[in-house]
Amino acid sequence: MTEVVSQIMYAITLALAYGGAVLGLFCLIDALTRRADAYAAADKQSKGVWVGITVACAVVLGLAVISNVFEPQSLLWLAAMVGVLVYLVDVRPRLREVSGPGRW
């Protein structure tokens, strides 16, 4: 019974690590492809600030997959996930409002 629980916990941790890394990379690419003037028009921080935030978050979330430095249970991983989610839920919709859906 204990081994089944530990395997389930490992699968959840692995899914969170890979999901966070993919989400961090998506937000980084999205922040890089947006125009710089769209950030000002959306009344958000500058493009450089948001690219820096998403780079830092993507690195931390990526290190959770590459090595066990920042596992999904760690505080730094959670902070990186919050940074990515803020971009995804708050900044990205406003940028899409201002500049359109993008090139894709």
Protein backbone atom coordinates (compact mmCIF):
# COMPACT_ATOMS: atom_id res chain seq x y z
CA MET A 1 0.00 0.00 0.00
CA THR A 2 2.80 2.42 0.87
CA GLU A 3 4.57 1.75 -2.41
CA VAL A 4 1.41 2.52 -4.38
CA VAL A 5 1.02 5.85 -2.59
CA SER A 6 4.66 6.77 -3.21
CA GLN A 7 4.31 5.90 -6.91
CA ILE A 8 1.22 8.09 -7.15
CA MET A 9 3.02 10.95 -5.40
CA TYR A 10 5.99 10.55 -7.76
CA ALA A 11 3.70 10.64 -10.82
CA ILE A 12 1.99 13.81 -9.55
CA THR A 13 5.33 15.47 -8.83
CA LEU A 14 6.61 14.54 -12.28
CA ALA A 15 3.46 15.85 -13.97
CA LEU A 16 3.71 19.13 -12.05
CA ALA A 17 7.39 19.50 -12.94
CA TYR A 18 6.87 18.91 -16.66
CA GLY A 19 3.67 20.95 -16.77
CA GLY A 20 5.36 23.87 -15.02
CA ALA A 21 8.34 23.74 -17.38
CA VAL A 22 6.11 23.74 -20.46
CA LEU A 23 4.01 26.58 -19.06
CA GLY A 24 7.11 28.61 -18.21
CA LEU A 25 8.52 28.14 -21.70
CA PHE A 26 5.19 29.08 -23.30
CA CYS A 27 4.96 32.30 -21.27
CA LEU A 28 8.57 33.19 -22.07
CA ILE A 29 8.03 32.76 -25.81
CA ASP A 30 4.77 34.71 -25.63
CA ALA A 31 6.43 37.57 -23.72
CA LEU A 32 9.27 37.70 -26.26
CA THR A 33 6.97 37.83 -29.28
CA ARG A 34 4.77 40.70 -28.06
CA ARG A 35 5.52 44.26 -29.18
CA ALA A 36 7.15 46.52 -26.60
CA ASP A 37 4.58 49.29 -27.03
CA ALA A 38 1.75 46.86 -26.24
CA TYR A 39 2.96 46.59 -22.65
CA ALA A 40 2.72 50.36 -22.18
CA ALA A 41 -0.66 50.48 -23.90
CA ALA A 42 -1.93 47.71 -21.62
CA ASP A 43 -0.73 49.70 -18.58
CA LYS A 44 1.65 46.92 -17.47
CA GLN A 45 5.35 46.87 -16.67
CA SER A 46 7.74 47.17 -19.61
CA LYS A 47 8.55 44.31 -21.94
CA GLY A 48 12.02 43.97 -20.43
CA VAL A 49 10.59 43.50 -16.94
CA TRP A 50 8.13 40.81 -18.04
CA VAL A 51 10.69 39.03 -20.18
CA GLY A 52 13.04 39.02 -17.18
CA ILE A 53 10.33 37.67 -14.89
CA THR A 54 9.36 34.92 -17.32
CA VAL A 55 13.01 34.00 -17.99
CA ALA A 56 13.68 33.62 -14.27
CA CYS A 57 10.49 31.62 -13.79
CA ALA A 58 11.17 29.40 -16.81
CA VAL A 59 14.69 28.65 -15.54
CA VAL A 60 13.44 27.65 -12.10
CA LEU A 61 10.60 25.58 -13.54
CA GLY A 62 12.96 23.98 -16.06
CA LEU A 63 15.46 23.05 -13.35
CA ALA A 64 12.69 21.07 -11.67
CA VAL A 65 12.72 18.77 -14.70
CA ILE A 66 16.46 18.67 -15.41
CA SER A 67 17.56 18.16 -11.82
CA ASN A 68 15.88 17.87 -8.48
CA VAL A 69 17.09 21.28 -7.35
CA PHE A 70 13.65 22.89 -7.37
CA GLU A 71 11.02 20.23 -6.88
CA PRO A 72 7.35 21.24 -7.15
CA GLN A 73 7.11 21.17 -3.37
CA SER A 74 9.78 23.84 -2.92
CA LEU A 75 8.97 27.44 -2.18
CA LEU A 76 11.03 28.82 -5.06
CA TRP A 77 9.21 26.55 -7.53
CA LEU A 78 5.89 27.81 -6.21
CA ALA A 79 7.04 31.43 -6.53
CA ALA A 80 8.10 30.79 -10.13
CA MET A 81 4.74 29.19 -10.86
CA VAL A 82 2.96 32.22 -9.39
CA GLY A 83 5.02 34.53 -11.62
CA VAL A 84 4.12 32.53 -14.71
CA LEU A 85 0.45 32.35 -13.75
CA VAL A 86 0.30 36.12 -13.16
CA TYR A 87 1.64 36.65 -16.66
CA LEU A 88 -0.77 34.10 -18.10
CA VAL A 89 -3.90 35.30 -16.28
CA ASP A 90 -3.32 39.05 -15.96
CA VAL A 91 -0.76 40.37 -18.45
CA ARG A 92 -1.34 38.18 -21.50
CA PRO A 93 -5.10 38.87 -21.80
CA ARG A 94 -4.49 42.63 -21.62
CA LEU A 95 -1.76 42.39 -24.26
CA ARG A 96 -4.09 40.43 -26.52
CA GLU A 97 -6.78 43.07 -26.00
CA VAL A 98 -4.42 45.85 -27.02
CA SER A 99 -2.47 44.24 -29.85
CA GLY A 100 -4.65 41.41 -31.07
CA PRO A 101 -4.17 37.66 -30.73
CA GLY A 102 -0.68 37.60 -32.25
CA ARG A 103 0.91 36.09 -35.32
CA TRP A 104 -0.10 32.50 -34.69
